[in-house]
Protein backbone atom coordinates (compact mmCIF):
# COMPACT_ATOMS: atom_id res chain seq x y z
CA MET A 1 42.66 48.00 56.16
CA ARG A 2 41.71 47.26 52.70
CA GLY A 3 38.37 49.18 52.21
CA ASP A 4 36.28 46.01 51.23
CA VAL A 5 32.49 46.44 51.76
CA TYR A 6 30.43 43.41 52.18
CA SER A 7 26.68 42.90 52.65
CA VAL A 8 25.22 40.19 54.67
CA ALA A 9 21.48 38.72 55.17
CA ASP A 10 19.54 39.49 58.16
CA ASP A 11 19.91 36.12 59.47
CA GLY A 12 23.81 36.33 58.97
CA SER A 13 23.91 34.27 55.77
CA ASP A 14 24.63 35.18 52.33
CA LEU A 15 27.99 37.38 52.92
CA ARG A 16 28.69 39.33 49.45
CA LEU A 17 31.45 41.40 48.53
CA GLU A 18 29.80 44.60 47.30
CA VAL A 19 32.99 47.03 46.94
CA GLU A 20 36.40 45.86 46.51
CA GLY A 21 39.28 47.52 48.48
CA ARG A 22 39.41 50.51 46.20
CA PHE A 23 39.47 53.19 49.05
CA LEU A 24 39.52 53.44 52.67
CA VAL A 25 35.92 53.83 53.90
CA THR A 26 35.81 55.65 57.31
CA SER A 27 31.91 55.68 57.96
CA PHE A 28 28.77 54.54 56.53
CA ALA A 29 25.42 56.81 56.60
CA SER A 30 21.69 56.54 55.09
CA ASP A 31 19.44 59.32 54.45
CA ASP A 32 15.75 59.66 55.06
CA GLU A 33 14.79 57.65 51.95
CA GLY A 34 16.98 54.84 53.29
CA ARG A 35 19.77 55.32 50.60
CA ALA A 36 23.35 53.90 51.49
CA TYR A 37 26.34 56.47 51.71
CA VAL A 38 30.04 55.83 52.53
CA LEU A 39 32.45 58.48 53.56
CA ARG A 40 35.89 58.04 52.11
CA TYR A 41 39.26 59.38 53.39
CA ASP A 42 42.08 60.27 51.00
CA ALA A 43 45.15 61.53 52.47
CA THR A 44 46.12 63.27 49.48
CA GLY A 45 42.89 65.25 49.40
CA ASP A 46 41.99 64.49 45.77
CA GLU A 47 39.49 61.79 45.92
CA GLY A 48 37.94 61.61 49.68
CA GLY A 49 34.37 62.48 49.97
CA ILE A 50 30.78 61.25 50.50
CA TYR A 51 29.62 58.39 48.01
CA ARG A 52 26.14 57.17 47.49
CA LEU A 53 26.07 53.37 47.01
CA VAL A 54 23.94 52.28 44.02
CA PRO A 55 23.19 48.81 42.51
CA ASN A 56 25.29 47.39 39.99
CA VAL A 57 23.09 46.05 37.36
CA PRO A 58 24.94 43.50 35.16
CA GLU A 59 24.75 44.36 31.39
CA LEU A 60 23.30 41.28 29.24
CA SER A 61 25.83 39.54 27.39
CA ASP A 62 25.82 37.30 24.39
CA PHE A 63 29.07 35.36 25.61
CA PRO A 64 28.81 31.69 25.74
CA ARG A 65 28.09 30.51 29.21
CA LEU A 66 28.95 26.94 28.40
CA LEU A 67 31.49 25.02 26.34
CA SER A 68 28.62 23.51 23.86
CA GLU A 69 27.68 27.36 23.14
CA THR A 70 31.18 28.17 21.84
CA GLY A 71 31.50 26.19 18.42
CA CYS A 72 34.62 24.61 19.83
CA VAL A 73 33.01 21.04 20.16
CA ASP A 74 31.10 18.63 18.24
CA PRO A 75 27.45 19.04 19.24
CA SER A 76 26.64 15.40 18.74
CA ASN A 77 29.76 14.50 20.86
CA PRO A 78 31.13 17.53 23.26
CA ARG A 79 34.34 15.25 24.05
CA GLU A 80 35.38 15.71 20.45
CA LEU A 81 36.58 18.89 18.58
CA ALA A 82 34.12 20.71 16.27
CA PRO A 83 34.75 20.03 12.46
CA GLY A 84 36.66 22.58 10.71
CA LEU A 85 39.04 22.75 13.80
CA VAL A 86 42.86 22.16 13.43
CA PRO A 87 44.50 20.46 16.38
CA TYR A 88 47.98 21.37 17.50
CA ALA A 89 50.35 20.77 20.35
CA PRO A 90 52.85 23.38 21.39
CA SER A 91 56.67 22.13 21.33
CA ALA A 92 57.18 23.01 24.83
CA GLN A 93 53.96 22.31 27.01
CA LEU A 94 53.59 23.80 30.47
CA TRP A 95 53.31 21.66 33.40
CA SER A 96 49.37 21.66 34.51
CA ASP A 97 48.95 19.11 37.12
CA GLY A 98 48.67 16.34 34.57
CA ALA A 99 45.38 17.51 32.97
CA PHE A 100 44.76 16.28 29.41
CA LYS A 101 44.59 19.42 27.12
CA GLU A 102 43.57 19.48 23.66
CA ARG A 103 44.33 22.51 21.75
CA ALA A 104 42.95 23.75 18.30
CA PHE A 105 42.50 26.78 16.24
CA ARG A 106 40.21 27.90 13.47
CA THR A 107 41.00 30.40 10.84
CA ALA A 108 38.48 32.83 9.67
CA PRO A 109 37.00 31.89 6.29
CA PRO A 110 38.21 34.01 3.58
CA SER A 111 36.60 37.10 2.48
CA PRO A 112 36.09 38.51 -0.86
CA SER A 113 37.45 41.80 0.32
CA ARG A 114 40.53 40.33 1.28
CA ARG A 115 43.60 38.70 -0.22
CA THR A 116 43.83 34.78 0.72
CA ALA A 117 47.09 33.55 1.72
CA THR A 118 47.37 31.57 -1.53
CA SER A 119 47.05 34.61 -3.78
CA ALA A 120 49.24 37.05 -1.56
CA PHE A 121 52.49 34.76 -1.37
CA PRO A 122 53.93 32.16 -3.74
CA SER A 123 53.55 28.47 -2.93
CA VAL A 124 56.89 26.64 -1.92
CA ARG A 125 56.80 22.83 -1.66
CA CYS A 126 58.82 21.60 1.53
CA SER A 127 60.38 18.35 1.87
């Protein structure tokens, strides 16, 4: 037994994982107000007990949901890199089902409070 807890709609549809196998559930119960509880068995005696199930309300995030929201692609042509990105290719590329990959990076703009690379290190011309 893994201890996964699933919910299912009354008509048998919409199977959803609610609690992922973190502990061994031995029984379920509900109180007079309809709140759900699980009984957890722990052979060591440290973490067994009765736990009330409460909704997990997701926190709002400003993390981009679409690639076009990341600033990594050109807004007028999402198949192209955004201006300012520097493309590169690793010398030893990993196998990836023959998928085409385009890699790029961007450095942070210089800040007045930080020394820039040109002022911190002498320039050397490479041939």
